[in-house]
C-alpha atoms as a PDB file:
ATOM      1  CA  UNK A   1       0.012   0.127   0.109  1.00  0.00           C
ATOM      2  CA  UNK A   2       1.481   3.200  -1.057  1.00  0.00           C
ATOM      3  CA  UNK A   3       0.704   7.149  -0.222  1.00  0.00           C
ATOM      4  CA  UNK A   4      -2.181   7.043  -2.562  1.00  0.00           C
ATOM      5  CA  UNK A   5      -3.776   4.197  -0.632  1.00  0.00           C
ATOM      6  CA  UNK A   6      -3.364   5.790   2.636  1.00  0.00           C
ATOM      7  CA  UNK A   7      -4.832   9.210   1.798  1.00  0.00           C
ATOM      8  CA  UNK A   8      -7.692   7.573   0.137  1.00  0.00           C
ATOM      9  CA  UNK A   9      -8.324   5.456   3.497  1.00  0.00           C
ATOM     10  CA  UNK A  10      -7.874   8.868   5.171  1.00  0.00           C
ATOM     11  CA  UNK A  11     -10.147  10.744   2.775  1.00  0.00           C
ATOM     12  CA  UNK A  12     -12.832   8.014   3.154  1.00  0.00           C
ATOM     13  CA  UNK A  13     -12.802   8.084   6.808  1.00  0.00           C
ATOM     14  CA  UNK A  14     -13.149  12.153   7.016  1.00  0.00           C
ATOM     15  CA  UNK A  15     -16.176  11.840   4.374  1.00  0.00           C
ATOM     16  CA  UNK A  16     -17.693   8.664   6.813  1.00  0.00           C
ATOM     17  CA  UNK A  17     -17.215  11.165   9.691  1.00  0.00           C
ATOM     18  CA  UNK A  18     -18.382  14.007   7.991  1.00  0.00           C
ATOM     19  CA  UNK A  19     -21.490  11.979   6.901  1.00  0.00           C
ATOM     20  CA  UNK A  20     -22.470  10.902  10.365  1.00  0.00           C
ATOM     21  CA  UNK A  21     -22.133  14.325  11.670  1.00  0.00           C
ATOM     22  CA  UNK A  22     -24.901  15.493   9.170  1.00  0.00           C
ATOM     23  CA  UNK A  23     -26.836  12.539   9.692  1.00  0.00           C
ATOM     24  CA  UNK A  24     -26.861  13.300  13.518  1.00  0.00           C
ATOM     25  CA  UNK A  25     -27.518  16.900  12.983  1.00  0.00           C
ATOM     26  CA  UNK A  26     -30.588  15.913  10.803  1.00  0.00           C
ATOM     27  CA  UNK A  27     -32.246  13.370  13.226  1.00  0.00           C
ATOM     28  CA  UNK A  28     -31.674  16.048  16.310  1.00  0.00           C
ATOM     29  CA  UNK A  29     -33.394  18.943  14.103  1.00  0.00           C
ATOM     30  CA  UNK A  30     -36.101  16.555  13.080  1.00  0.00           C
ATOM     31  CA  UNK A  31     -36.696  15.760  16.932  1.00  0.00           C
ATOM     32  CA  UNK A  32     -36.750  19.451  17.610  1.00  0.00           C
ATOM     33  CA  UNK A  33     -39.357  20.042  15.031  1.00  0.00           C
ATOM     34  CA  UNK A  34     -41.414  17.528  16.079  1.00  0.00           C
ATOM     35  CA  UNK A  35     -41.112  19.204  19.347  1.00  0.00           C
ATOM     36  CA  UNK A  36     -42.301  22.513  18.118  1.00  0.00           C
ATOM     37  CA  UNK A  37     -45.008  20.943  16.229  1.00  0.00           C
ATOM     38  CA  UNK A  38     -46.440  19.284  19.482  1.00  0.00           C
ATOM     39  CA  UNK A  39     -45.835  22.623  21.080  1.00  0.00           C
ATOM     40  CA  UNK A  40     -47.469  24.847  18.577  1.00  0.00           C
ATOM     41  CA  UNK A  41     -50.825  22.098  18.719  1.00  0.00           C
ATOM     42  CA  UNK A  42     -50.759  22.382  22.185  1.00  0.00           C
ATOM     43  CA  UNK A  43     -50.582  26.011  22.431  1.00  0.00           C
ATOM     44  CA  UNK A  44     -53.702  26.558  19.513  1.00  0.00           C
ATOM     45  CA  UNK A  45     -55.906  24.062  20.599  1.00  0.00           C
ATOM     46  CA  UNK A  46     -57.411  26.286  23.595  1.00  0.00           C
ATOM     47  CA  UNK A  47     -57.183  29.213  20.982  1.00  0.00           C
ATOM     48  CA  UNK A  48     -59.433  27.201  18.913  1.00  0.00           C
ATOM     49  CA  UNK A  49     -61.901  26.713  21.825  1.00  0.00           C
ATOM     50  CA  UNK A  50     -61.808  30.564  22.656  1.00  0.00           C
ATOM     51  CA  UNK A  51     -62.422  31.075  18.957  1.00  0.00           C
ATOM     52  CA  UNK A  52     -65.359  28.716  18.970  1.00  0.00           C
ATOM     53  CA  UNK A  53     -66.695  30.616  22.693  1.00  0.00           C
ATOM     54  CA  UNK A  54     -66.622  33.846  20.872  1.00  0.00           C
ATOM     55  CA  UNK A  55     -68.741  32.462  17.763  1.00  0.00           C
ATOM     56  CA  UNK A  56     -70.991  30.965  20.390  1.00  0.00           C
ATOM     57  CA  UNK A  57     -71.331  34.529  22.173  1.00  0.00           C
ATOM     58  CA  UNK A  58     -71.438  36.283  19.074  1.00  0.00           C
ATOM     59  CA  UNK A  59     -74.604  34.008  18.098  1.00  0.00           C
ATOM     60  CA  UNK A  60     -75.893  34.409  21.136  1.00  0.00           C
ATOM     61  CA  UNK A  61     -76.169  38.138  20.934  1.00  0.00           C
ATOM     62  CA  UNK A  62     -77.425  38.428  17.454  1.00  0.00           C
ATOM     63  CA  UNK A  63     -80.393  36.194  18.495  1.00  0.00           C
ATOM     64  CA  UNK A  64     -80.791  38.570  21.783  1.00  0.00           C
ATOM     65  CA  UNK A  65     -80.898  41.519  19.488  1.00  0.00           C
ATOM     66  CA  UNK A  66     -83.108  40.156  17.141  1.00  0.00           C
ATOM     67  CA  UNK A  67     -85.638  39.137  19.911  1.00  0.00           C
ATOM     68  CA  UNK A  68     -85.458  42.516  21.393  1.00  0.00           C
ATOM     69  CA  UNK A  69     -85.964  44.420  17.910  1.00  0.00           C
ATOM     70  CA  UNK A  70     -88.813  42.362  17.132  1.00  0.00           C
ATOM     71  CA  UNK A  71     -90.267  42.284  20.889  1.00  0.00           C
ATOM     72  CA  UNK A  72     -89.824  46.686  20.343  1.00  0.00           C
ATOM     73  CA  UNK A  73     -91.180  46.497  16.653  1.00  0.00           C
ATOM     74  CA  UNK A  74     -94.107  44.688  18.099  1.00  0.00           C
ATOM     75  CA  UNK A  75     -94.874  46.607  21.210  1.00  0.00           C
ATOM     76  CA  UNK A  76     -94.294  50.657  20.379  1.00  0.00           C
ATOM     77  CA  UNK A  77     -95.789  50.837  24.051  1.00  0.00           C
ATOM     78  CA  UNK A  78     -92.986  48.929  25.414  1.00  0.00           C
ATOM     79  CA  UNK A  79     -90.219  50.937  23.770  1.00  0.00           C
ATOM     80  CA  UNK A  80     -91.776  54.394  25.261  1.00  0.00           C
ATOM     81  CA  UNK A  81     -91.342  52.857  28.612  1.00  0.00           C
ATOM     82  CA  UNK A  82     -87.928  51.748  27.966  1.00  0.00           C
ATOM     83  CA  UNK A  83     -87.245  55.480  26.658  1.00  0.00           C
ATOM     84  CA  UNK A  84     -88.930  56.930  29.931  1.00  0.00           C
ATOM     85  CA  UNK A  85     -87.028  54.571  32.235  1.00  0.00           C
ATOM     86  CA  UNK A  86     -83.469  55.747  30.370  1.00  0.00           C
ATOM     87  CA  UNK A  87     -84.671  59.249  30.518  1.00  0.00           C
ATOM     88  CA  UNK A  88     -85.390  58.979  34.341  1.00  0.00           C
ATOM     89  CA  UNK A  89     -81.983  57.270  35.309  1.00  0.00           C
ATOM     90  CA  UNK A  90     -80.066  60.036  33.227  1.00  0.00           C
ATOM     91  CA  UNK A  91     -81.838  62.643  35.319  1.00  0.00           C
ATOM     92  CA  UNK A  92     -81.066  60.848  38.474  1.00  0.00           C
ATOM     93  CA  UNK A  93     -77.576  60.665  37.336  1.00  0.00           C
ATOM     94  CA  UNK A  94     -77.438  64.489  36.641  1.00  0.00           C
ATOM     95  CA  UNK A  95     -78.884  65.345  40.009  1.00  0.00           C
ATOM     96  CA  UNK A  96     -76.590  63.264  42.137  1.00  0.00           C
ATOM     97  CA  UNK A  97     -73.704  64.715  40.206  1.00  0.00           C
ATOM     98  CA  UNK A  98     -75.100  68.383  40.791  1.00  0.00           C
ATOM     99  CA  UNK A  99     -75.455  67.891  44.641  1.00  0.00           C
ATOM    100  CA  UNK A 100     -71.827  66.391  44.589  1.00  0.00           C
ATOM    101  CA  UNK A 101     -70.454  69.111  43.100  1.00  0.00           C
ATOM    102  CA  UNK A 102     -72.297  71.723  45.507  1.00  0.00           C
ATOM    103  CA  UNK A 103     -71.305  69.456  48.430  1.00  0.00           C
END
């Protein structure tokens, strides 16, 4: 075996070490990516349930709004009574503010 044969063995060994290092790095990287994927899925699951709760709440508010609108449309006397209650409450608030300002 001459100097060319020894150089070939050294080059092949070096190439094998480099290939093993690259394979090890790829395996570690794939495990890290798997952990990141699991973590993202774990974080996203509560966000999805919050989103679903928001959609349910939005649907409930729409139903409530539609029912109150239809109630007030069908009962104009109820609308007048609600207006009177709101205006009385506003007047009561103004009276409290004026008395606090004087005192």
